Amino acid sequence: MKRVTLCCAAAVTVALASTVAGFATATAAPANPLLARQEALQSAQDQAPSLAGTLGLGSQEKLVVKDVVTDSDGTRHLRYDRTYNGMRVLGGDLIVDQTAAGSVRGVTYANSARIAPAATPKLSANTAASEAAASVTGSNLAKSAPQLVVYAVDTAPTLAYETVVTGLKADQTPIEQHVFTDAASGRVLYSYDGIEEATGTGNTEYSGTVSLTTTQSGSSYQLKDGTRGNQQVNNLNHGTSTGTLVTSTNNVFGDGKAATANTAAADAAYGAAETWDFYKNTFGRNGIKNDGVGALSKVHYSNSYVNAFWSDACFCMTYGDGQNNARPLTALDVAGHEMSHGVTSATAGLVYSGESGGLNEGTSDIFGTMVEWYAKNASDQGDYLIGEKIDIFGNGKPLRYMDQPSKDGNSADYWSSTVGNKDVHYSSGVANHFFYLLAEGSGAKTINGVAYNSPTSNGQAVTGIGRDKAAAIWFRALTTKFTSTTNYSKARAGTLAAASDLYGATSAEYKAVAAAWSGVNVN
């Protein structure tokens, strides 16, 4: 499962003590949670100019609200993106922690450097576009008109061009490559693919017979869920475009066999529903972006496509049918994994490269696994194996193992100074292993019939606190502590802060977080 975004610079936390004018003291939340969210976002945006002044930002810098998390005591965590002279600043995001009364308690910066890039580009937009296109391999390539941005991810803030190159990879995966070139030299500073991939009731193939919420339209039924933001499933019929809404004349979808088109559609709809319910019932989150809008799922992409992917651009999840179109990648943990990339994009925005990329991918493994546990499905019971149902390798083995990631032959069990050089699917092993240790502890044990044996880098035993508490800590860190450039060291600090928020700085949970990170050599 694959997700693509940007890279890293250490987040910096600064303590402040001031009050931003114009922010009302917290009052009882409206009964409508979506209205409450809209009001919180609007209030955060309204105070952005005053807040920018309080933080000492330059006159050309503006704050654009991205997210707001409000604690039960009224404390707010305001997440902002930044612009400079109207240009997006990549790596300029920050989180303001604010008391219920409006005092700024602290700020976490993705990059605390002063934003002062060159005023004008030396390179023409056409040259930048050509350099960007030349860096991408694929067919049917096309390039957008370059846009000037400020690149501040892993370097001093630099004037750059962003060019989006589209096309197709050799395996027919869509390309949506965002290429950032230095506006002075043309050097490629960073490149990421906006397509987020995976390696792979209805009567489903993987989850048995399940209930699906559908919409009646005349004499037919649509695989469209009005109770979950109108999220729906489209059949691409082995094409690569938008496809058509899946329907049935008798409100039954699929027969459990891969050869029947609506079987994969039923799996996709079930996975989307369980993912929605997991986030809403566990964390109070209304959909991927927390705006009550459901995502589109698309099945039967291309031919013999052994992958699946999430795309922010279309706010959609797309599934291939596997080798020889015989094994659709529509399993429950795949759905949870891929759609969680959308949650990460809407919150921390973890850059998809280096250690932050491993954390991005690990986040999707963690919450994809938690969706599987949440569903309590007898045909696909919860486990700490990733992609075990889709049988990508044809030998019954899963894609990844959370208890000892190196069992897949590539993933890292522990942090090292070179772990960020690995592919993000393998550097994610450090996050996956941490989560398993925090949830279940070290050593040998059997859970739901699956044998695990989780080691530690320091040889010290770790006692787990349970997956629900572990997930709560990770989610709070993702939504209130992590920024786009968070690395493993900052993830340790962020999850410890999250554990302190939830359970106290002297709690067993806090100590377990510290022990689990030490167990994967993040100290």
Protein backbone atom coordinates (compact mmCIF):
# COMPACT_ATOMS: atom_id res chain seq x y z
CA MET A 1 0.00 0.00 0.00
CA LYS A 2 1.50 3.22 -1.06
CA ARG A 3 0.97 6.89 -0.46
CA VAL A 4 2.94 9.77 -1.90
CA THR A 5 3.50 13.38 -0.60
CA LEU A 6 6.74 15.54 0.46
CA CYS A 7 9.91 15.45 2.97
CA CYS A 8 11.31 16.47 6.30
CA ALA A 9 12.53 19.16 8.70
CA ALA A 10 12.34 18.92 12.45
CA ALA A 11 9.22 20.41 14.01
CA VAL A 12 9.94 23.06 16.62
CA THR A 13 7.71 23.77 19.62
CA VAL A 14 7.74 27.29 21.07
CA ALA A 15 5.98 28.28 24.28
CA LEU A 16 4.07 31.55 24.19
CA ALA A 17 1.78 33.38 26.55
CA SER A 18 -0.55 35.89 24.97
CA THR A 19 -4.20 36.38 24.16
CA VAL A 20 -5.50 36.75 20.63
CA ALA A 21 -8.17 39.40 20.33
CA GLY A 22 -11.54 38.49 18.98
CA PHE A 23 -11.72 34.83 20.00
CA ALA A 24 -14.72 34.22 22.21
CA THR A 25 -14.46 32.17 25.38
CA ALA A 26 -15.61 28.58 24.83
CA THR A 27 -19.31 27.95 25.19
CA ALA A 28 -21.42 24.83 25.00
CA ALA A 29 -20.98 23.13 21.62
CA PRO A 30 -23.93 23.23 19.21
CA ALA A 31 -25.89 20.00 18.89
CA ASN A 32 -24.82 19.70 15.26
CA PRO A 33 -21.14 18.61 15.26
CA LEU A 34 -20.61 19.70 11.64
CA LEU A 35 -21.94 23.17 12.47
CA ALA A 36 -19.66 23.27 15.50
CA ARG A 37 -16.70 22.38 13.29
CA GLN A 38 -17.59 25.03 10.72
CA GLU A 39 -17.84 27.63 13.45
CA ALA A 40 -14.48 26.57 14.93
CA LEU A 41 -12.80 26.76 11.53
CA GLN A 42 -14.32 30.15 10.79
CA SER A 43 -13.29 31.49 14.20
CA ALA A 44 -9.74 30.22 13.68
CA GLN A 45 -9.59 31.91 10.28
CA ASP A 46 -11.07 35.14 11.65
CA GLN A 47 -8.30 35.43 14.21
CA ALA A 48 -5.52 34.43 11.80
CA PRO A 49 -4.34 38.03 11.09
CA SER A 50 -4.03 38.86 14.79
CA LEU A 51 -2.41 35.52 15.47
CA ALA A 52 0.15 36.06 12.70
CA GLY A 53 1.12 39.32 14.40
CA THR A 54 1.34 37.66 17.79
CA LEU A 55 3.66 35.01 16.35
CA GLY A 56 5.85 37.65 14.76
CA LEU A 57 5.27 36.59 11.18
CA GLY A 58 6.29 38.93 8.38
CA SER A 59 3.83 41.28 6.72
CA GLN A 60 3.73 39.11 3.59
CA GLU A 61 2.91 35.94 5.55
CA LYS A 62 -0.68 34.80 5.96
CA LEU A 63 -2.19 31.92 7.92
CA VAL A 64 -4.84 29.70 6.30
CA VAL A 65 -6.75 27.44 8.68
CA LYS A 66 -6.65 23.73 7.86
CA ASP A 67 -8.05 22.03 10.94
CA VAL A 68 -9.20 22.64 14.50
CA VAL A 69 -9.29 20.08 17.30
CA THR A 70 -11.16 21.10 20.46
CA ASP A 71 -10.61 19.24 23.73
CA SER A 72 -13.32 18.65 26.32
CA ASP A 73 -11.92 21.44 28.50
CA GLY A 74 -12.14 23.95 25.65
CA THR A 75 -8.44 23.84 24.71
CA ARG A 76 -8.04 24.29 20.96
CA HIS A 77 -5.35 23.05 18.59
CA LEU A 78 -5.43 25.31 15.53
CA ARG A 79 -3.63 23.89 12.51
CA TYR A 80 -2.62 26.44 9.85
CA ASP A 81 -0.93 26.35 6.49
CA ARG A 82 1.07 29.43 5.56
CA THR A 83 1.35 31.61 2.46
CA TYR A 84 4.00 34.17 1.56
CA ASN A 85 3.05 36.98 -0.80
CA GLY A 86 0.15 34.79 -1.92
CA MET A 87 2.31 31.71 -2.55
CA ARG A 88 1.89 28.41 -0.69
CA VAL A 89 4.72 27.65 1.73
CA LEU A 90 5.46 23.94 1.72
CA GLY A 91 6.78 23.06 5.16
CA GLY A 92 5.33 26.28 6.55
CA ASP A 93 2.51 24.65 8.50
CA LEU A 94 2.16 25.15 12.24
CA ILE A 95 -0.10 24.20 15.16
CA VAL A 96 -1.21 26.76 17.74
CA ASP A 97 -2.28 25.38 21.12
CA GLN A 98 -4.80 27.78 22.62
CA THR A 99 -6.62 27.81 25.94
CA ALA A 100 -10.40 28.10 26.14
CA ALA A 101 -9.97 31.78 27.02
CA GLY A 102 -7.91 32.47 23.92
CA SER A 103 -4.38 32.47 25.33
CA VAL A 104 -1.70 30.97 23.12
CA ARG A 105 -0.06 28.22 25.12
CA GLY A 106 2.46 27.02 22.55
CA VAL A 107 3.24 26.68 18.86
CA THR A 108 4.67 23.77 16.88
CA TYR A 109 6.35 24.73 13.60
CA ALA A 110 7.16 22.39 10.74
CA ASN A 111 9.98 24.84 9.94
CA SER A 112 10.75 27.74 12.27
CA ALA A 113 13.08 29.50 9.82
CA ARG A 114 12.23 33.03 8.71
CA ILE A 115 10.35 33.00 5.41
CA ALA A 116 12.34 35.29 3.10
CA PRO A 117 12.92 33.69 -0.33
CA ALA A 118 14.20 35.47 -3.42
CA ALA A 119 11.64 37.94 -4.71
CA THR A 120 11.65 36.88 -8.37
CA PRO A 121 12.53 33.69 -10.26
CA LYS A 122 15.60 33.51 -12.50
CA LEU A 123 14.15 30.53 -14.38
CA SER A 124 11.20 30.80 -16.77
CA ALA A 125 8.05 28.82 -16.08
CA ASN A 126 8.41 26.94 -19.38
CA THR A 127 11.93 25.84 -18.53
CA ALA A 128 10.80 24.72 -15.09
CA ALA A 129 7.98 22.67 -16.64
CA SER A 130 10.39 21.00 -19.05
CA GLU A 131 12.81 20.13 -16.24
CA ALA A 132 9.92 18.70 -14.22
CA ALA A 133 8.59 16.57 -17.09
CA ALA A 134 12.07 15.24 -17.82
CA SER A 135 12.27 13.87 -14.27
CA VAL A 136 9.15 11.69 -14.65
CA THR A 137 9.00 8.29 -16.35
CA GLY A 138 5.71 7.14 -17.90
CA SER A 139 3.45 7.32 -20.92
CA ASN A 140 0.96 9.94 -22.10
CA LEU A 141 2.74 12.54 -19.99
CA ALA A 142 1.27 16.02 -19.74
CA LYS A 143 2.35 18.94 -17.57
CA SER A 144 0.43 21.71 -15.87
CA ALA A 145 1.33 25.39 -15.93
CA PRO A 146 3.96 25.79 -13.16
CA GLN A 147 2.97 27.70 -10.04
CA LEU A 148 5.39 29.66 -7.87
CA VAL A 149 5.63 28.40 -4.28
CA VAL A 150 8.00 28.67 -1.35
CA TYR A 151 9.70 25.36 -0.59
CA ALA A 152 10.70 25.06 3.09
CA VAL A 153 10.48 21.34 3.77
CA ASP A 154 14.09 20.30 4.30
CA THR A 155 15.97 23.48 3.47
CA ALA A 156 15.99 27.22 3.98
CA PRO A 157 12.84 28.72 2.40
CA THR A 158 13.46 28.79 -1.35
CA LEU A 159 11.45 30.21 -4.24
CA ALA A 160 10.37 27.26 -6.40
CA TYR A 161 8.03 26.17 -9.17
CA GLU A 162 5.48 23.39 -8.68
CA THR A 163 4.60 21.51 -11.87
CA VAL A 164 2.08 18.66 -11.91
CA VAL A 165 2.98 15.96 -14.44
CA THR A 166 0.22 13.46 -15.26
CA GLY A 167 0.24 10.21 -17.22
CA LEU A 168 0.41 6.45 -16.69
CA LYS A 169 3.01 4.12 -15.21
CA ALA A 170 3.92 0.87 -16.96
CA ASP A 171 1.40 -1.04 -14.80
CA GLN A 172 -1.32 1.52 -15.67
CA THR A 173 -1.27 3.24 -12.29
CA PRO A 174 -2.13 6.91 -12.85
CA ILE A 175 0.69 9.43 -12.40
CA GLU A 176 0.05 12.72 -10.63
CA GLN A 177 3.64 13.75 -9.95
CA HIS A 178 4.13 17.08 -8.19
CA VAL A 179 7.63 18.28 -9.05
CA PHE A 180 9.23 21.21 -7.22
CA THR A 181 12.13 22.90 -9.01
CA ASP A 182 14.39 25.65 -7.70
CA ALA A 183 13.25 28.85 -9.42
CA ALA A 184 16.86 29.99 -9.73
CA SER A 185 18.68 26.85 -10.92
CA GLY A 186 16.00 24.43 -12.15
CA ARG A 187 17.25 21.74 -9.78
CA VAL A 188 14.53 19.34 -8.64
CA LEU A 189 14.10 20.00 -4.92
CA TYR A 190 11.43 17.43 -4.30
CA SER A 191 8.91 15.30 -6.13
CA TYR A 192 5.90 13.34 -4.93
CA ASP A 193 3.09 11.39 -6.51
CA GLY A 194 -0.40 12.56 -5.51
CA ILE A 195 -1.70 9.04 -6.11
CA GLU A 196 -1.66 6.89 -2.99
CA GLU A 197 -1.30 3.24 -3.85
CA ALA A 198 -1.78 -0.13 -2.20
CA THR A 199 -0.23 -3.57 -3.17
CA GLY A 200 -3.11 -5.09 -2.59
CA THR A 201 -24.15 -6.65 2.42
CA GLY A 202 -23.61 -7.74 0.05
CA ASN A 203 -21.97 -11.04 -0.42
CA THR A 204 -18.33 -10.08 -0.22
CA GLU A 205 -15.25 -12.07 -1.11
CA TYR A 206 -13.31 -11.33 2.08
CA SER A 207 -15.81 -10.39 4.79
CA GLY A 208 -18.70 -12.77 4.21
CA THR A 209 -22.29 -11.58 4.05
CA VAL A 210 -22.63 -8.07 5.43
CA SER A 211 -25.23 -5.33 5.58
CA LEU A 212 -24.80 -2.33 3.27
CA THR A 213 -26.68 0.96 3.32
CA THR A 214 -28.00 1.62 -0.20
CA THR A 215 -30.19 4.18 -1.98
CA GLN A 216 -33.33 3.22 -3.88
CA SER A 217 -33.82 4.95 -7.22
CA GLY A 218 -36.96 3.92 -9.02
CA SER A 219 -36.92 0.15 -9.39
CA SER A 220 -33.20 -0.25 -8.72
CA TYR A 221 -30.87 0.17 -5.75
CA GLN A 222 -27.66 2.18 -5.82
CA LEU A 223 -24.49 1.39 -3.87
CA LYS A 224 -24.63 4.88 -2.41
CA ASP A 225 -24.68 5.47 1.35
CA GLY A 226 -26.76 8.48 2.35
CA THR A 227 -26.01 7.90 6.04
CA ARG A 228 -22.27 8.28 5.50
CA GLY A 229 -21.89 11.42 3.44
CA ASN A 230 -23.25 9.87 0.21
CA GLN A 231 -20.11 7.83 -0.28
CA GLN A 232 -20.61 5.51 -3.23
CA VAL A 233 -18.99 2.78 -5.32
CA ASN A 234 -18.43 3.06 -9.08
CA ASN A 235 -17.56 0.22 -11.48
CA LEU A 236 -14.73 1.13 -13.90
CA ASN A 237 -15.30 -2.10 -15.87
CA HIS A 238 -11.51 -2.42 -16.40
CA GLY A 239 -11.22 1.16 -17.60
CA THR A 240 -9.36 3.99 -15.89
CA SER A 241 -11.90 6.84 -15.82
CA THR A 242 -14.78 7.67 -13.48
CA GLY A 243 -16.95 4.62 -14.19
CA THR A 244 -20.61 4.20 -13.36
CA LEU A 245 -22.48 3.93 -10.08
CA VAL A 246 -23.00 0.28 -9.05
CA THR A 247 -26.67 -0.75 -8.98
CA SER A 248 -28.79 -3.83 -8.32
CA THR A 249 -32.42 -4.68 -9.07
CA ASN A 250 -32.92 -6.65 -5.85
CA ASN A 251 -30.70 -4.78 -3.38
CA VAL A 252 -28.25 -7.70 -3.23
CA PHE A 253 -24.67 -7.03 -4.30
CA GLY A 254 -22.26 -9.82 -5.20
CA ASP A 255 -22.16 -13.55 -4.59
CA GLY A 256 -18.81 -13.92 -2.82
CA LYS A 257 -16.97 -14.76 -6.05
CA ALA A 258 -14.34 -12.54 -7.64
CA ALA A 259 -15.70 -13.23 -11.13
CA THR A 260 -18.94 -11.43 -10.26
CA ALA A 261 -18.49 -7.69 -10.73
CA ASN A 262 -20.60 -6.60 -7.76
CA THR A 263 -18.67 -8.77 -5.29
CA ALA A 264 -15.69 -6.41 -5.27
CA ALA A 265 -18.13 -3.50 -5.12
CA ALA A 266 -19.70 -4.98 -2.00
CA ASP A 267 -16.28 -5.40 -0.36
CA ALA A 268 -15.38 -1.80 -1.22
CA ALA A 269 -18.65 -0.43 0.15
CA TYR A 270 -18.26 -2.45 3.34
CA GLY A 271 -14.67 -1.29 3.83
CA ALA A 272 -15.66 2.35 3.30
CA ALA A 273 -18.55 2.05 5.76
CA GLU A 274 -16.44 0.38 8.46
CA THR A 275 -13.70 2.98 8.02
CA TRP A 276 -16.24 5.81 8.33
CA ASP A 277 -17.76 4.21 11.43
CA PHE A 278 -14.39 3.52 13.04
CA TYR A 279 -13.32 7.16 12.82
CA LYS A 280 -16.71 8.52 13.83
CA ASN A 281 -17.45 6.18 16.72
CA THR A 282 -13.88 6.07 18.03
CA PHE A 283 -12.74 9.66 17.57
CA GLY A 284 -15.91 11.60 16.67
CA ARG A 285 -14.57 12.30 13.18
CA ASN A 286 -17.22 12.80 10.48
CA GLY A 287 -15.57 11.39 7.38
CA ILE A 288 -12.08 11.60 5.97
CA LYS A 289 -11.89 15.40 6.11
CA ASN A 290 -14.20 15.66 9.13
CA ASP A 291 -16.65 17.58 6.96
CA GLY A 292 -19.39 14.96 6.63
CA VAL A 293 -18.56 14.24 2.98
CA GLY A 294 -18.16 10.63 1.89
CA ALA A 295 -15.40 9.42 -0.42
CA LEU A 296 -15.88 7.73 -3.78
CA SER A 297 -14.70 4.12 -4.18
CA LYS A 298 -13.91 2.77 -7.65
CA VAL A 299 -13.53 -0.95 -8.42
CA HIS A 300 -12.26 -3.01 -11.40
CA TYR A 301 -9.54 -0.57 -12.37
CA SER A 302 -7.62 -1.52 -15.54
CA ASN A 303 -6.68 -5.18 -16.24
CA SER A 304 -4.73 -7.47 -13.90
CA TYR A 305 -3.85 -4.40 -11.84
CA VAL A 306 -2.16 -5.63 -8.65
CA ASN A 307 -2.61 -2.49 -6.62
CA ALA A 308 -5.04 0.03 -5.16
CA PHE A 309 -4.66 3.72 -4.41
CA TRP A 310 -6.13 6.76 -2.71
CA SER A 311 -6.08 10.15 -4.48
CA ASP A 312 -6.72 13.46 -2.75
CA ALA A 313 -7.35 15.04 -6.15
CA CYS A 314 -10.57 13.07 -6.74
CA PHE A 315 -11.13 12.30 -3.04
CA CYS A 316 -11.47 8.67 -4.08
CA MET A 317 -10.27 5.14 -3.47
CA THR A 318 -9.49 2.93 -6.48
CA TYR A 319 -9.01 -0.86 -6.49
CA GLY A 320 -7.42 -3.16 -9.03
CA ASP A 321 -8.49 -6.78 -9.49
CA GLY A 322 -5.09 -8.41 -8.92
CA GLN A 323 -3.22 -10.85 -11.11
CA ASN A 324 -5.41 -12.19 -13.93
CA ASN A 325 -8.29 -10.16 -12.44
CA ALA A 326 -8.75 -13.00 -9.94
CA ARG A 327 -8.01 -11.36 -6.58
CA PRO A 328 -9.45 -7.84 -6.14
CA LEU A 329 -7.58 -5.76 -3.57
CA THR A 330 -10.77 -4.82 -1.73
CA ALA A 331 -10.00 -6.37 1.68
CA LEU A 332 -11.05 -4.52 4.82
CA ASP A 333 -7.59 -3.49 6.05
CA VAL A 334 -6.68 -2.26 2.56
CA ALA A 335 -9.71 0.04 2.57
CA GLY A 336 -8.89 1.31 6.06
CA HIS A 337 -5.24 1.78 5.14
CA GLU A 338 -5.85 3.74 1.96
CA MET A 339 -8.62 5.95 3.28
CA SER A 340 -6.46 6.74 6.31
CA HIS A 341 -4.02 8.37 3.90
CA GLY A 342 -6.81 10.88 3.33
CA VAL A 343 -7.09 11.47 7.08
CA THR A 344 -3.34 12.05 7.33
CA SER A 345 -3.49 14.46 4.39
CA ALA A 346 -6.33 16.40 6.04
CA THR A 347 -4.46 16.64 9.38
CA ALA A 348 -0.68 16.39 9.79
CA GLY A 349 0.01 16.22 6.04
CA LEU A 350 3.09 14.06 6.68
CA VAL A 351 5.53 14.48 3.81
CA TYR A 352 5.82 11.20 1.90
CA SER A 353 9.57 10.81 1.97
CA GLY A 354 12.25 9.97 4.52
CA GLU A 355 11.14 9.34 8.09
CA SER A 356 7.97 11.42 7.79
CA GLY A 357 6.99 9.21 4.84
CA GLY A 358 7.50 6.11 6.98
CA LEU A 359 5.28 7.66 9.63
CA ASN A 360 2.68 8.45 6.97
CA GLU A 361 2.65 4.86 5.73
CA GLY A 362 2.79 3.51 9.29
CA THR A 363 -0.23 5.64 10.22
CA SER A 364 -2.24 3.96 7.47
CA ASP A 365 -1.09 0.50 8.58
CA ILE A 366 -2.01 1.34 12.17
CA PHE A 367 -5.50 2.62 11.40
CA GLY A 368 -6.13 0.05 8.66
CA THR A 369 -5.43 -2.57 11.31
CA MET A 370 -7.68 -0.77 13.79
CA VAL A 371 -10.54 -0.69 11.25
CA GLU A 372 -10.20 -4.48 10.97
CA TRP A 373 -10.32 -4.88 14.76
CA TYR A 374 -13.24 -2.43 14.98
CA ALA A 375 -15.37 -4.35 12.46
CA LYS A 376 -15.33 -7.58 14.51
CA ASN A 377 -15.99 -9.52 11.31
CA ALA A 378 -15.90 -13.30 11.77
CA SER A 379 -14.61 -13.81 8.21
CA ASP A 380 -11.77 -11.31 8.61
CA GLN A 381 -10.84 -11.16 12.27
CA GLY A 382 -8.58 -8.50 13.68
CA ASP A 383 -4.84 -9.11 13.53
CA TYR A 384 -1.52 -7.33 13.22
CA LEU A 385 -0.89 -8.55 9.68
CA ILE A 386 -1.22 -6.16 6.74
CA GLY A 387 -2.95 -7.36 3.55
CA GLU A 388 -3.18 -10.98 4.63
CA LYS A 389 -6.44 -11.59 2.75
CA ILE A 390 -5.43 -10.37 -0.70
CA ASP A 391 -2.55 -12.88 -1.06
CA ILE A 392 -0.40 -10.64 -3.27
CA PHE A 393 2.49 -13.12 -3.29
CA GLY A 394 0.35 -16.16 -4.03
CA ASN A 395 1.74 -18.04 -1.03
CA GLY A 396 -0.70 -16.95 1.66
CA LYS A 397 1.76 -14.55 3.29
CA PRO A 398 0.75 -11.01 4.25
CA LEU A 399 2.40 -7.85 2.93
CA ARG A 400 3.71 -6.72 6.32
CA TYR A 401 4.00 -7.85 9.94
CA MET A 402 3.60 -5.35 12.77
CA ASP A 403 5.06 -7.49 15.57
CA GLN A 404 8.38 -8.02 13.77
CA PRO A 405 8.38 -6.04 10.52
CA SER A 406 11.64 -7.55 9.22
CA LYS A 407 9.82 -10.85 8.62
CA ASP A 408 8.80 -9.45 5.22
CA GLY A 409 12.48 -9.33 4.24
CA ASN A 410 12.64 -5.56 3.80
CA SER A 411 11.06 -3.60 6.66
CA ALA A 412 12.97 -2.11 9.57
CA ASP A 413 12.32 -3.43 13.07
CA TYR A 414 14.23 -0.55 14.68
CA TRP A 415 15.25 3.02 14.00
CA SER A 416 18.74 3.77 12.67
CA SER A 417 20.28 6.87 11.15
CA THR A 418 19.73 5.39 7.68
CA VAL A 419 16.15 4.21 8.08
CA GLY A 420 14.88 7.30 6.25
CA ASN A 421 16.69 6.11 3.12
CA LYS A 422 14.41 3.09 2.84
CA ASP A 423 11.23 3.00 0.79
CA VAL A 424 8.46 4.42 2.99
CA HIS A 425 6.71 1.03 3.08
CA TYR A 426 9.77 -0.39 4.81
CA SER A 427 10.79 2.57 6.99
CA SER A 428 7.20 2.38 8.27
CA GLY A 429 8.24 -0.78 10.10
CA VAL A 430 9.56 1.33 12.99
CA ALA A 431 6.12 2.93 13.52
CA ASN A 432 4.31 -0.39 13.07
CA HIS A 433 6.59 -2.14 15.56
CA PHE A 434 6.20 0.70 18.06
CA PHE A 435 2.43 0.48 17.81
CA TYR A 436 2.39 -3.30 18.27
CA LEU A 437 4.65 -3.04 21.33
CA LEU A 438 2.52 -0.26 22.81
CA ALA A 439 -0.70 -2.18 22.21
CA GLU A 440 0.32 -5.76 22.97
CA GLY A 441 3.80 -5.70 24.49
CA SER A 442 6.91 -7.70 23.65
CA GLY A 443 7.53 -11.44 23.58
CA ALA A 444 5.64 -14.45 22.29
CA LYS A 445 1.84 -14.63 22.38
CA THR A 446 -1.13 -15.83 20.35
CA ILE A 447 -3.96 -13.39 19.59
CA ASN A 448 -7.08 -14.39 17.68
CA GLY A 449 -5.30 -17.57 16.61
CA VAL A 450 -2.25 -15.76 15.17
CA ALA A 451 1.17 -16.33 16.75
CA TYR A 452 3.34 -13.25 17.36
CA ASN A 453 6.80 -12.82 18.83
CA SER A 454 7.88 -9.20 19.14
CA PRO A 455 11.50 -8.41 20.08
CA THR A 456 12.96 -5.12 21.35
CA SER A 457 16.18 -3.42 20.32
CA ASN A 458 17.35 -2.99 23.91
CA GLY A 459 16.29 -6.42 25.17
CA GLN A 460 13.90 -4.83 27.66
CA ALA A 461 10.38 -6.21 28.03
CA VAL A 462 7.49 -3.90 27.15
CA THR A 463 4.01 -4.25 28.66
CA GLY A 464 1.19 -3.26 26.32
CA ILE A 465 -1.66 -0.90 27.22
CA GLY A 466 -4.21 -2.30 24.73
CA ARG A 467 -4.81 -1.29 21.13
CA ASP A 468 -7.64 1.15 21.89
CA LYS A 469 -5.46 3.30 24.13
CA ALA A 470 -2.54 2.97 21.72
CA ALA A 471 -4.74 4.13 18.83
CA ALA A 472 -6.12 7.04 20.87
CA ILE A 473 -2.58 8.23 21.59
CA TRP A 474 -1.53 7.94 17.94
CA PHE A 475 -4.64 9.75 16.69
CA ARG A 476 -4.21 12.63 19.13
CA ALA A 477 -0.56 12.96 18.14
CA LEU A 478 -1.49 12.89 14.43
CA THR A 479 -4.17 15.55 14.80
CA THR A 480 -2.62 17.86 17.42
CA LYS A 481 1.16 17.27 17.53
CA PHE A 482 2.53 16.04 14.20
CA THR A 483 3.35 18.45 11.37
CA SER A 484 4.31 17.79 7.76
CA THR A 485 7.98 17.29 8.66
CA THR A 486 7.68 15.14 11.81
CA ASN A 487 10.41 12.48 12.02
CA TYR A 488 10.73 9.54 14.44
CA SER A 489 12.36 11.59 17.19
CA LYS A 490 9.56 14.16 16.98
CA ALA A 491 6.98 11.35 16.80
CA ARG A 492 8.27 10.09 20.13
CA ALA A 493 7.89 13.59 21.61
CA GLY A 494 4.46 14.01 20.03
CA THR A 495 3.06 10.70 21.25
CA LEU A 496 4.44 11.31 24.75
CA ALA A 497 2.70 14.69 24.75
CA ALA A 498 -0.48 13.01 23.52
CA ALA A 499 -0.26 10.36 26.25
CA SER A 500 0.23 13.11 28.82
CA ASP A 501 -2.84 14.95 27.50
CA LEU A 502 -5.00 11.83 27.63
CA TYR A 503 -3.71 9.95 30.67
CA GLY A 504 -1.26 12.17 32.55
CA ALA A 505 2.52 12.60 32.53
CA THR A 506 3.01 10.10 35.36
CA SER A 507 0.59 7.49 34.00
CA ALA A 508 1.34 3.90 33.06
CA GLU A 509 0.29 4.81 29.51
CA TYR A 510 2.89 7.59 29.30
CA LYS A 511 5.61 5.27 30.57
CA ALA A 512 4.54 2.57 28.11
CA VAL A 513 4.88 5.01 25.19
CA ALA A 514 8.44 5.80 26.29
CA ALA A 515 9.28 2.12 26.72
CA ALA A 516 7.82 1.13 23.34
CA TRP A 517 9.82 3.83 21.52
CA SER A 518 12.98 2.75 23.32
CA GLY A 519 12.12 -0.79 22.24
CA VAL A 520 12.44 0.31 18.61
CA ASN A 521 15.59 2.40 19.31
CA VAL A 522 13.92 5.81 19.25
CA ASN A 523 15.26 7.51 22.37
